[in-house]
Amino acid sequence: MSEIHHKDCLLWVEVLMVLLASQFTLLTPLSAQDEPEYKMEVGAGVGLMNYLGDYNGNILKQMQPMGGLVAKYKMNPRMAWAATLNYGQLKGELENSDTWYPSTTNAPADFSTKLVDFNVKFEYNFWPFGTGREYHGAQPLTPFISLGSGLAFANGDKSVVAFQVPIGFGVKCKLKDRLNLTAEWLMHISGSDRLDGVRDPYGIKSSDLFKNTDCYTTLQLSLTYEFMEKCKTCHNDRE
């Protein structure tokens, strides 16, 4: 084989290798990861708050407006930690309760309390959440469940600080690459029976942490913005 033909063969081999390499790159999942992932989200939300206790036994009655701030740390496309700070109001009336309590004979017929709610929750997405371009297989819409703990600060006739456990579910929707919309419903089980100002209406004391205590629900719609780009060389959460 002449030197010219040998050089031509080497040239064609090099061209073929370049073409094969380019095709292989297009077929790998990395082609769907051409945008950065972000570790943090911050935003705000509005919604409704509902009291459940001695003055109300209906989950749909006495809904009151609320608003707050939210921050999230995204561990990976399926899991995140969320911290929220909300401000709202709890209201109730004895006529909304189907039970007669002997100790409420001289109690007020209704109550109204300002409430500050702070909690930290763990969120688990049913599907990986994202645009699909930063993480292979991610979806722009996913349901999720959440569980956490926090504090409730009630300011009515008397100030009360109560431990509370939020548990619930919701839906996340990606409006744009770094803009997310979340709808979430939570049941907050408190460790106090004084959020409404009335304690032990049956007159029977209990030593159980969450027995005969007040609860409240929140239904919130929040808008968050992603920031703090994740290191591109850290692939542990993709494996």
C-alpha atoms as a PDB file:
ATOM      1  CA  MET A   1       0.000   0.000   0.000  1.00  0.00           C
ATOM      2  CA  SER A   2       1.386   3.373  -0.997  1.00  0.00           C
ATOM      3  CA  GLU A   3       2.024   6.136   1.520  1.00  0.00           C
ATOM      4  CA  ILE A   4      -0.757   8.271  -0.037  1.00  0.00           C
ATOM      5  CA  HIS A   5      -3.349   5.516   0.281  1.00  0.00           C
ATOM      6  CA  HIS A   6      -2.184   4.851   3.853  1.00  0.00           C
ATOM      7  CA  LYS A   7      -2.716   8.496   4.781  1.00  0.00           C
ATOM      8  CA  ASP A   8      -6.153   8.476   3.099  1.00  0.00           C
ATOM      9  CA  CYS A   9      -7.183   5.418   5.120  1.00  0.00           C
ATOM     10  CA  LEU A  10      -6.023   7.029   8.371  1.00  0.00           C
ATOM     11  CA  LEU A  11      -7.967  10.164   7.496  1.00  0.00           C
ATOM     12  CA  TRP A  12     -11.172   8.212   6.855  1.00  0.00           C
ATOM     13  CA  VAL A  13     -10.703   6.262  10.092  1.00  0.00           C
ATOM     14  CA  GLU A  14     -10.327   9.504  12.007  1.00  0.00           C
ATOM     15  CA  VAL A  15     -13.465  10.954  10.387  1.00  0.00           C
ATOM     16  CA  LEU A  16     -15.428   7.792  11.161  1.00  0.00           C
ATOM     17  CA  MET A  17     -14.310   7.831  14.809  1.00  0.00           C
ATOM     18  CA  VAL A  18     -15.355  11.469  15.165  1.00  0.00           C
ATOM     19  CA  LEU A  19     -18.795  10.716  13.682  1.00  0.00           C
ATOM     20  CA  LEU A  20     -19.290   7.690  15.928  1.00  0.00           C
ATOM     21  CA  ALA A  21     -18.245   9.670  18.978  1.00  0.00           C
ATOM     22  CA  SER A  22     -20.678  12.462  18.160  1.00  0.00           C
ATOM     23  CA  GLN A  23     -23.544  10.003  17.656  1.00  0.00           C
ATOM     24  CA  PHE A  24     -22.759   8.216  20.915  1.00  0.00           C
ATOM     25  CA  THR A  25     -22.797  11.546  22.774  1.00  0.00           C
ATOM     26  CA  LEU A  26     -26.221  12.376  21.358  1.00  0.00           C
ATOM     27  CA  LEU A  27     -27.614   9.010  22.446  1.00  0.00           C
ATOM     28  CA  THR A  28     -26.383   9.100  26.047  1.00  0.00           C
ATOM     29  CA  PRO A  29     -28.535  10.490  28.908  1.00  0.00           C
ATOM     30  CA  LEU A  30     -26.041  13.302  29.323  1.00  0.00           C
ATOM     31  CA  SER A  31     -27.614  14.953  26.295  1.00  0.00           C
ATOM     32  CA  ALA A  32     -30.654  15.600  28.503  1.00  0.00           C
ATOM     33  CA  GLN A  33     -28.479  17.231  31.151  1.00  0.00           C
ATOM     34  CA  ASP A  34     -27.409  20.376  29.298  1.00  0.00           C
ATOM     35  CA  GLU A  35     -28.882  22.749  31.883  1.00  0.00           C
ATOM     36  CA  PRO A  36     -27.773  23.306  35.494  1.00  0.00           C
ATOM     37  CA  GLU A  37     -29.554  21.994  38.572  1.00  0.00           C
ATOM     38  CA  TYR A  38     -30.206  24.336  41.498  1.00  0.00           C
ATOM     39  CA  LYS A  39     -30.032  23.528  45.198  1.00  0.00           C
ATOM     40  CA  MET A  40     -32.231  26.233  46.719  1.00  0.00           C
ATOM     41  CA  GLU A  41     -35.706  27.747  46.282  1.00  0.00           C
ATOM     42  CA  VAL A  42     -37.232  30.823  47.902  1.00  0.00           C
ATOM     43  CA  GLY A  43     -40.660  32.344  47.491  1.00  0.00           C
ATOM     44  CA  ALA A  44     -43.970  33.289  49.035  1.00  0.00           C
ATOM     45  CA  GLY A  45     -47.459  31.877  49.245  1.00  0.00           C
ATOM     46  CA  VAL A  46     -51.080  32.659  50.060  1.00  0.00           C
ATOM     47  CA  GLY A  47     -53.943  30.440  51.131  1.00  0.00           C
ATOM     48  CA  LEU A  48     -56.512  29.533  53.751  1.00  0.00           C
ATOM     49  CA  MET A  49     -56.283  28.394  57.363  1.00  0.00           C
ATOM     50  CA  ASN A  50     -58.933  26.419  59.245  1.00  0.00           C
ATOM     51  CA  TYR A  51     -59.244  25.639  62.973  1.00  0.00           C
ATOM     52  CA  LEU A  52     -60.352  22.221  64.285  1.00  0.00           C
ATOM     53  CA  GLY A  53     -61.065  21.817  67.983  1.00  0.00           C
ATOM     54  CA  ASP A  54     -63.587  22.503  70.728  1.00  0.00           C
ATOM     55  CA  TYR A  55     -65.151  25.384  68.775  1.00  0.00           C
ATOM     56  CA  ASN A  56     -65.298  23.734  65.366  1.00  0.00           C
ATOM     57  CA  GLY A  57     -65.538  20.158  64.109  1.00  0.00           C
ATOM     58  CA  ASN A  58     -65.970  20.884  60.397  1.00  0.00           C
ATOM     59  CA  ILE A  59     -62.887  21.006  58.189  1.00  0.00           C
ATOM     60  CA  LEU A  60     -64.608  23.375  55.727  1.00  0.00           C
ATOM     61  CA  LYS A  61     -65.973  25.975  58.182  1.00  0.00           C
ATOM     62  CA  GLN A  62     -64.322  29.181  59.425  1.00  0.00           C
ATOM     63  CA  MET A  63     -61.653  29.280  56.706  1.00  0.00           C
ATOM     64  CA  GLN A  64     -59.426  32.341  57.149  1.00  0.00           C
ATOM     65  CA  PRO A  65     -56.844  33.935  54.814  1.00  0.00           C
ATOM     66  CA  MET A  66     -53.138  33.396  55.429  1.00  0.00           C
ATOM     67  CA  GLY A  67     -49.828  34.223  53.818  1.00  0.00           C
ATOM     68  CA  GLY A  68     -46.177  33.422  54.312  1.00  0.00           C
ATOM     69  CA  LEU A  69     -42.637  32.752  53.120  1.00  0.00           C
ATOM     70  CA  VAL A  70     -41.023  29.496  52.027  1.00  0.00           C
ATOM     71  CA  ALA A  71     -37.445  28.295  51.495  1.00  0.00           C
ATOM     72  CA  LYS A  72     -36.363  24.877  50.208  1.00  0.00           C
ATOM     73  CA  TYR A  73     -33.170  22.878  49.970  1.00  0.00           C
ATOM     74  CA  LYS A  74     -33.354  20.309  47.167  1.00  0.00           C
ATOM     75  CA  MET A  75     -31.383  17.172  47.973  1.00  0.00           C
ATOM     76  CA  ASN A  76     -32.147  15.651  44.565  1.00  0.00           C
ATOM     77  CA  PRO A  77     -35.052  15.680  42.059  1.00  0.00           C
ATOM     78  CA  ARG A  78     -37.148  13.461  44.373  1.00  0.00           C
ATOM     79  CA  MET A  79     -36.441  14.849  47.853  1.00  0.00           C
ATOM     80  CA  ALA A  80     -36.302  18.287  49.478  1.00  0.00           C
ATOM     81  CA  TRP A  81     -36.377  20.024  52.855  1.00  0.00           C
ATOM     82  CA  ALA A  82     -38.795  22.951  53.163  1.00  0.00           C
ATOM     83  CA  ALA A  83     -39.048  25.645  55.845  1.00  0.00           C
ATOM     84  CA  THR A  84     -42.161  27.849  55.968  1.00  0.00           C
ATOM     85  CA  LEU A  85     -43.231  30.824  58.057  1.00  0.00           C
ATOM     86  CA  ASN A  86     -46.939  31.685  57.835  1.00  0.00           C
ATOM     87  CA  TYR A  87     -49.237  34.226  59.421  1.00  0.00           C
ATOM     88  CA  GLY A  88     -53.000  33.785  59.686  1.00  0.00           C
ATOM     89  CA  GLN A  89     -55.996  33.650  61.974  1.00  0.00           C
ATOM     90  CA  LEU A  90     -57.995  30.957  63.734  1.00  0.00           C
ATOM     91  CA  LYS A  91     -61.705  31.457  64.377  1.00  0.00           C
ATOM     92  CA  GLY A  92     -64.381  29.266  65.902  1.00  0.00           C
ATOM     93  CA  GLU A  93     -67.854  29.268  67.461  1.00  0.00           C
ATOM     94  CA  LEU A  94     -69.439  26.869  69.949  1.00  0.00           C
ATOM     95  CA  GLU A  95     -72.440  26.447  67.672  1.00  0.00           C
ATOM     96  CA  ASN A  96     -70.129  24.775  65.136  1.00  0.00           C
ATOM     97  CA  SER A  97     -69.458  21.979  67.630  1.00  0.00           C
ATOM     98  CA  ASP A  98     -71.963  19.130  67.917  1.00  0.00           C
ATOM     99  CA  THR A  99     -70.810  18.288  71.455  1.00  0.00           C
ATOM    100  CA  TRP A 100     -71.863  19.966  74.713  1.00  0.00           C
ATOM    101  CA  TYR A 101     -68.945  20.531  77.053  1.00  0.00           C
ATOM    102  CA  PRO A 102     -69.747  20.985  80.769  1.00  0.00           C
ATOM    103  CA  SER A 103     -66.724  23.250  81.362  1.00  0.00           C
ATOM    104  CA  THR A 104     -67.717  25.713  78.597  1.00  0.00           C
ATOM    105  CA  THR A 105     -70.940  26.890  80.274  1.00  0.00           C
ATOM    106  CA  ASN A 106     -69.327  30.198  81.145  1.00  0.00           C
ATOM    107  CA  ALA A 107     -66.908  30.242  78.218  1.00  0.00           C
ATOM    108  CA  PRO A 108     -67.136  32.761  75.354  1.00  0.00           C
ATOM    109  CA  ALA A 109     -69.425  31.782  72.480  1.00  0.00           C
ATOM    110  CA  ASP A 110     -66.634  32.300  69.962  1.00  0.00           C
ATOM    111  CA  PHE A 111     -62.949  33.086  69.720  1.00  0.00           C
ATOM    112  CA  SER A 112     -60.454  34.680  67.324  1.00  0.00           C
ATOM    113  CA  THR A 113     -56.694  34.188  67.503  1.00  0.00           C
ATOM    114  CA  LYS A 114     -53.779  35.448  65.442  1.00  0.00           C
ATOM    115  CA  LEU A 115     -51.449  32.587  64.585  1.00  0.00           C
ATOM    116  CA  VAL A 116     -47.813  32.453  63.463  1.00  0.00           C
ATOM    117  CA  ASP A 117     -46.846  29.037  62.116  1.00  0.00           C
ATOM    118  CA  PHE A 118     -43.245  27.901  61.593  1.00  0.00           C
ATOM    119  CA  ASN A 119     -42.341  24.416  60.438  1.00  0.00           C
ATOM    120  CA  VAL A 120     -39.658  22.371  58.705  1.00  0.00           C
ATOM    121  CA  LYS A 121     -40.860  19.531  56.463  1.00  0.00           C
ATOM    122  CA  PHE A 122     -39.407  16.713  54.400  1.00  0.00           C
ATOM    123  CA  GLU A 123     -40.949  16.490  50.916  1.00  0.00           C
ATOM    124  CA  TYR A 124     -40.911  13.367  48.757  1.00  0.00           C
ATOM    125  CA  ASN A 125     -41.873  13.645  45.076  1.00  0.00           C
ATOM    126  CA  PHE A 126     -43.611  10.692  43.431  1.00  0.00           C
ATOM    127  CA  TRP A 127     -41.652  11.447  40.221  1.00  0.00           C
ATOM    128  CA  PRO A 128     -38.339  13.280  39.700  1.00  0.00           C
ATOM    129  CA  PHE A 129     -39.165  16.985  39.433  1.00  0.00           C
ATOM    130  CA  GLY A 130     -37.597  19.201  36.777  1.00  0.00           C
ATOM    131  CA  THR A 131     -37.640  20.311  33.151  1.00  0.00           C
ATOM    132  CA  GLY A 132     -36.103  17.045  31.917  1.00  0.00           C
ATOM    133  CA  ARG A 133     -33.143  18.914  30.480  1.00  0.00           C
ATOM    134  CA  GLU A 134     -31.170  19.153  33.717  1.00  0.00           C
ATOM    135  CA  TYR A 135     -31.992  15.624  34.909  1.00  0.00           C
ATOM    136  CA  HIS A 136     -32.808  12.666  32.674  1.00  0.00           C
ATOM    137  CA  GLY A 137     -36.399  11.514  33.195  1.00  0.00           C
ATOM    138  CA  ALA A 138     -37.530  14.496  35.291  1.00  0.00           C
ATOM    139  CA  GLN A 139     -41.160  15.610  34.972  1.00  0.00           C
ATOM    140  CA  PRO A 140     -42.551  19.188  35.099  1.00  0.00           C
ATOM    141  CA  LEU A 141     -45.543  18.042  37.191  1.00  0.00           C
ATOM    142  CA  THR A 142     -45.482  15.731  40.208  1.00  0.00           C
ATOM    143  CA  PRO A 143     -47.547  14.954  43.319  1.00  0.00           C
ATOM    144  CA  PHE A 144     -45.696  14.791  46.627  1.00  0.00           C
ATOM    145  CA  ILE A 145     -46.169  14.007  50.318  1.00  0.00           C
ATOM    146  CA  SER A 146     -44.704  15.893  53.276  1.00  0.00           C
ATOM    147  CA  LEU A 147     -44.074  15.397  56.987  1.00  0.00           C
ATOM    148  CA  GLY A 148     -42.334  17.623  59.508  1.00  0.00           C
ATOM    149  CA  SER A 149     -42.412  19.437  62.829  1.00  0.00           C
ATOM    150  CA  GLY A 150     -42.659  23.008  64.003  1.00  0.00           C
ATOM    151  CA  LEU A 151     -44.112  25.575  66.366  1.00  0.00           C
ATOM    152  CA  ALA A 152     -47.398  27.480  66.509  1.00  0.00           C
ATOM    153  CA  PHE A 153     -47.561  30.896  68.218  1.00  0.00           C
ATOM    154  CA  ALA A 154     -51.161  31.853  69.061  1.00  0.00           C
ATOM    155  CA  ASN A 155     -51.981  35.340  70.324  1.00  0.00           C
ATOM    156  CA  GLY A 156     -55.558  35.657  71.581  1.00  0.00           C
ATOM    157  CA  ASP A 157     -56.706  36.470  75.107  1.00  0.00           C
ATOM    158  CA  LYS A 158     -53.537  34.663  76.193  1.00  0.00           C
ATOM    159  CA  SER A 159     -50.342  33.899  74.296  1.00  0.00           C
ATOM    160  CA  VAL A 160     -49.674  30.221  73.617  1.00  0.00           C
ATOM    161  CA  VAL A 161     -46.651  28.473  72.124  1.00  0.00           C
ATOM    162  CA  ALA A 162     -47.357  24.923  70.933  1.00  0.00           C
ATOM    163  CA  PHE A 163     -45.379  22.141  69.303  1.00  0.00           C
ATOM    164  CA  GLN A 164     -47.065  20.946  66.101  1.00  0.00           C
ATOM    165  CA  VAL A 165     -46.619  18.210  63.474  1.00  0.00           C
ATOM    166  CA  PRO A 166     -47.631  19.055  59.874  1.00  0.00           C
ATOM    167  CA  ILE A 167     -48.511  16.162  57.568  1.00  0.00           C
ATOM    168  CA  GLY A 168     -50.028  16.431  54.104  1.00  0.00           C
ATOM    169  CA  PHE A 169     -49.720  16.260  50.335  1.00  0.00           C
ATOM    170  CA  GLY A 170     -49.589  18.506  47.301  1.00  0.00           C
ATOM    171  CA  VAL A 171     -48.686  19.033  43.654  1.00  0.00           C
ATOM    172  CA  LYS A 172     -45.649  20.781  42.144  1.00  0.00           C
ATOM    173  CA  CYS A 173     -45.659  22.373  38.694  1.00  0.00           C
ATOM    174  CA  LYS A 174     -42.685  23.886  36.850  1.00  0.00           C
ATOM    175  CA  LEU A 175     -43.882  27.080  35.157  1.00  0.00           C
ATOM    176  CA  LYS A 176     -40.455  27.991  33.741  1.00  0.00           C
ATOM    177  CA  ASP A 177     -36.905  26.688  34.046  1.00  0.00           C
ATOM    178  CA  ARG A 178     -36.386  28.208  37.517  1.00  0.00           C
ATOM    179  CA  LEU A 179     -39.947  29.094  38.534  1.00  0.00           C
ATOM    180  CA  ASN A 180     -42.145  26.595  40.417  1.00  0.00           C
ATOM    181  CA  LEU A 181     -45.781  26.651  41.532  1.00  0.00           C
ATOM    182  CA  THR A 182     -46.810  24.455  44.483  1.00  0.00           C
ATOM    183  CA  ALA A 183     -50.254  23.679  45.910  1.00  0.00           C
ATOM    184  CA  GLU A 184     -50.168  21.976  49.314  1.00  0.00           C
ATOM    185  CA  TRP A 185     -52.677  20.900  51.972  1.00  0.00           C
ATOM    186  CA  LEU A 186     -51.439  20.231  55.520  1.00  0.00           C
ATOM    187  CA  MET A 187     -53.000  19.009  58.750  1.00  0.00           C
ATOM    188  CA  HIS A 188     -51.186  20.565  61.726  1.00  0.00           C
ATOM    189  CA  ILE A 189     -51.591  18.411  64.845  1.00  0.00           C
ATOM    190  CA  SER A 190     -50.620  20.545  67.825  1.00  0.00           C
ATOM    191  CA  GLY A 191     -49.559  19.470  71.283  1.00  0.00           C
ATOM    192  CA  SER A 192     -51.729  22.089  73.016  1.00  0.00           C
ATOM    193  CA  ASP A 193     -55.416  22.393  73.862  1.00  0.00           C
ATOM    194  CA  ARG A 194     -55.130  26.137  74.404  1.00  0.00           C
ATOM    195  CA  LEU A 195     -55.046  27.519  70.867  1.00  0.00           C
ATOM    196  CA  ASP A 196     -58.724  28.441  71.262  1.00  0.00           C
ATOM    197  CA  GLY A 197     -58.341  29.573  74.883  1.00  0.00           C
ATOM    198  CA  VAL A 198     -60.349  26.606  76.281  1.00  0.00           C
ATOM    199  CA  ARG A 199     -58.572  23.705  77.984  1.00  0.00           C
ATOM    200  CA  ASP A 200     -59.942  20.254  78.868  1.00  0.00           C
ATOM    201  CA  PRO A 201     -63.633  20.961  78.093  1.00  0.00           C
ATOM    202  CA  TYR A 202     -64.561  17.411  79.142  1.00  0.00           C
ATOM    203  CA  GLY A 203     -62.901  17.998  82.520  1.00  0.00           C
ATOM    204  CA  ILE A 204     -60.766  14.875  82.009  1.00  0.00           C
ATOM    205  CA  LYS A 205     -57.028  15.461  82.036  1.00  0.00           C
ATOM    206  CA  SER A 206     -54.830  13.449  79.692  1.00  0.00           C
ATOM    207  CA  SER A 207     -51.094  12.820  79.742  1.00  0.00           C
ATOM    208  CA  ASP A 208     -50.939  11.847  76.034  1.00  0.00           C
ATOM    209  CA  LEU A 209     -49.071  14.371  73.882  1.00  0.00           C
ATOM    210  CA  PHE A 210     -51.618  14.718  71.049  1.00  0.00           C
ATOM    211  CA  LYS A 211     -54.834  13.536  72.754  1.00  0.00           C
ATOM    212  CA  ASN A 212     -57.720  16.046  72.971  1.00  0.00           C
ATOM    213  CA  THR A 213     -55.551  18.809  71.501  1.00  0.00           C
ATOM    214  CA  ASP A 214     -56.358  21.509  68.948  1.00  0.00           C
ATOM    215  CA  CYS A 215     -55.525  21.149  65.256  1.00  0.00           C
ATOM    216  CA  TYR A 216     -55.618  23.386  62.216  1.00  0.00           C
ATOM    217  CA  THR A 217     -55.275  22.940  58.473  1.00  0.00           C
ATOM    218  CA  THR A 218     -53.591  25.047  55.813  1.00  0.00           C
ATOM    219  CA  LEU A 219     -54.228  25.103  52.069  1.00  0.00           C
ATOM    220  CA  GLN A 220     -51.515  27.132  50.378  1.00  0.00           C
ATOM    221  CA  LEU A 221     -50.450  28.118  46.868  1.00  0.00           C
ATOM    222  CA  SER A 222     -46.802  29.217  46.690  1.00  0.00           C
ATOM    223  CA  LEU A 223     -44.479  30.521  43.989  1.00  0.00           C
ATOM    224  CA  THR A 224     -40.741  29.851  44.342  1.00  0.00           C
ATOM    225  CA  TYR A 225     -37.579  30.752  42.418  1.00  0.00           C
ATOM    226  CA  GLU A 226     -34.562  28.443  42.127  1.00  0.00           C
ATOM    227  CA  PHE A 227     -30.985  29.585  42.698  1.00  0.00           C
ATOM    228  CA  MET A 228     -27.524  28.355  43.799  1.00  0.00           C
ATOM    229  CA  GLU A 229     -26.357  26.176  40.925  1.00  0.00           C
ATOM    230  CA  LYS A 230     -25.305  22.640  41.842  1.00  0.00           C
ATOM    231  CA  CYS A 231     -21.751  21.539  41.111  1.00  0.00           C
ATOM    232  CA  LYS A 232     -21.698  19.816  37.699  1.00  0.00           C
ATOM    233  CA  THR A 233     -19.075  17.279  38.812  1.00  0.00           C
ATOM    234  CA  CYS A 234     -21.290  15.990  41.649  1.00  0.00           C
ATOM    235  CA  HIS A 235     -23.210  13.068  40.141  1.00  0.00           C
ATOM    236  CA  ASN A 236     -23.978  11.021  43.252  1.00  0.00           C
ATOM    237  CA  ASP A 237     -27.688  11.898  43.192  1.00  0.00           C
ATOM    238  CA  ARG A 238     -27.944  10.852  39.542  1.00  0.00           C
ATOM    239  CA  GLU A 239     -26.534   7.390  40.027  1.00  0.00           C
END
